[in-house]
Protein backbone atom coordinates (compact mmCIF):
# COMPACT_ATOMS: atom_id res chain seq x y z
CA MET A 1 -11.24 12.69 -0.51
CA GLU A 2 -10.05 9.54 -1.18
CA LYS A 3 -8.48 7.48 1.77
CA ILE A 4 -6.36 4.56 1.61
CA ILE A 5 -5.27 1.67 3.60
CA VAL A 6 -1.76 -0.14 2.67
CA GLU A 7 -2.09 -3.12 4.66
CA VAL A 8 1.10 -6.04 4.55
CA ILE A 9 -0.47 -8.88 3.84
CA SER A 10 2.99 -11.08 4.19
CA SER A 11 6.44 -9.72 4.86
CA ALA A 12 9.93 -11.21 5.11
CA CYS A 13 11.08 -7.89 6.09
CA GLY A 14 12.44 -6.41 9.10
CA HIS A 15 10.43 -3.29 8.81
CA TYR A 16 7.28 -4.84 8.43
CA GLN A 17 5.05 -7.33 9.60
CA SER A 18 1.58 -9.05 8.38
CA GLY A 19 -0.87 -6.89 9.45
CA ASP A 20 0.96 -3.62 10.02
CA ARG A 21 -1.33 -0.92 7.91
CA ILE A 22 0.20 2.88 6.38
CA PHE A 23 -3.48 4.89 6.18
CA ILE A 24 -3.48 7.35 3.89
CA ASN A 25 -5.77 10.49 3.70
CA GLY A 26 -5.35 12.36 0.49
CA ALA A 27 -2.13 13.48 -0.73
CA LEU A 28 -0.96 12.75 2.55
CA ILE A 29 0.11 9.32 5.15
CA ASP A 30 -1.82 9.53 8.22
CA LYS A 31 0.93 9.63 10.45
CA GLU A 32 -0.76 9.08 13.83
CA ARG A 33 -2.85 5.91 12.53
CA SER A 34 0.27 4.66 10.27
CA GLY A 35 3.10 1.83 11.14
CA ASN A 36 6.51 2.96 9.47
CA ILE A 37 7.01 3.03 5.64
CA CYS A 38 10.31 2.18 4.03
CA LEU A 39 11.07 4.09 1.22
CA MET A 40 11.58 1.38 -1.20
CA ALA A 41 7.68 0.20 0.25
CA LEU A 42 6.34 3.44 -0.88
CA GLN A 43 8.11 3.32 -4.63
CA ALA A 44 6.32 -0.06 -5.00
CA ILE A 45 2.83 1.05 -3.49
CA PHE A 46 3.16 4.48 -4.62
CA PRO A 47 1.74 4.14 -8.92
CA TYR A 48 -1.23 2.30 -7.29
CA ILE A 49 -2.31 5.33 -4.71
CA PHE A 50 -2.08 7.95 -7.51
CA ALA A 51 -4.12 6.12 -9.42
CA PHE A 52 -6.90 5.23 -6.65
CA ARG A 53 -7.21 8.72 -5.64
CA LYS A 54 -7.88 9.37 -9.30
CA GLY A 55 -10.64 6.94 -9.00
CA VAL A 56 -9.27 4.80 -11.49
CA THR A 57 -10.55 0.18 -10.43
CA PRO A 58 -8.09 -2.15 -9.55
CA GLN A 59 -9.93 -4.14 -13.10
CA GLN A 60 -8.16 -0.89 -14.93
CA MET A 61 -5.25 -1.61 -13.23
CA GLY A 62 -4.91 -5.00 -14.45
CA PHE A 63 -5.73 -6.64 -11.26
CA GLN A 64 -8.51 -9.59 -10.64
CA GLU A 65 -10.59 -8.05 -7.25
CA LYS A 66 -7.43 -6.53 -5.21
CA ILE A 67 -4.52 -5.12 -5.29
CA GLN A 68 -1.72 -6.35 -3.92
CA VAL A 69 2.43 -5.06 -4.96
CA GLN A 70 5.57 -6.62 -4.10
CA CYS A 71 8.01 -4.43 -2.29
CA PRO A 72 10.99 -4.35 -4.78
CA ASP A 73 13.71 -4.17 -1.98
CA TYR A 74 16.40 -7.68 -1.88
CA CYS A 75 15.74 -7.39 2.19
CA GLY A 76 12.89 -9.79 2.23
CA PRO A 77 9.58 -10.07 0.06
CA THR A 78 6.98 -8.39 1.37
CA VAL A 79 3.75 -7.79 -0.05
CA PHE A 80 0.80 -4.90 -0.01
CA GLU A 81 -2.83 -4.95 -0.41
CA LEU A 82 -4.55 -1.80 -1.42
CA LYS A 83 -7.90 -0.65 -0.52
CA ARG A 84 -10.31 2.13 -0.04
CA GLU A 85 -11.30 2.64 3.63
CA GLU A 86 -15.00 2.50 4.31
């Protein structure tokens, strides 16, 4: 089962701070280990979580090494990094 960590790299939004994490275990969010998850943020990261779960590499998704995406909400830029949990 694919395990993914979504980490906040930077944030100007009141919902997140740098270092906050969301843990994905297969198709589920690990609620005990995860911080908040905003629906706008989920919209931004979901396509990459889905691809990761299907074995697609960051390079196949057009990224150099790391998958970093920005939340589309206007309240304040938030950048997330997705990586496989070791």
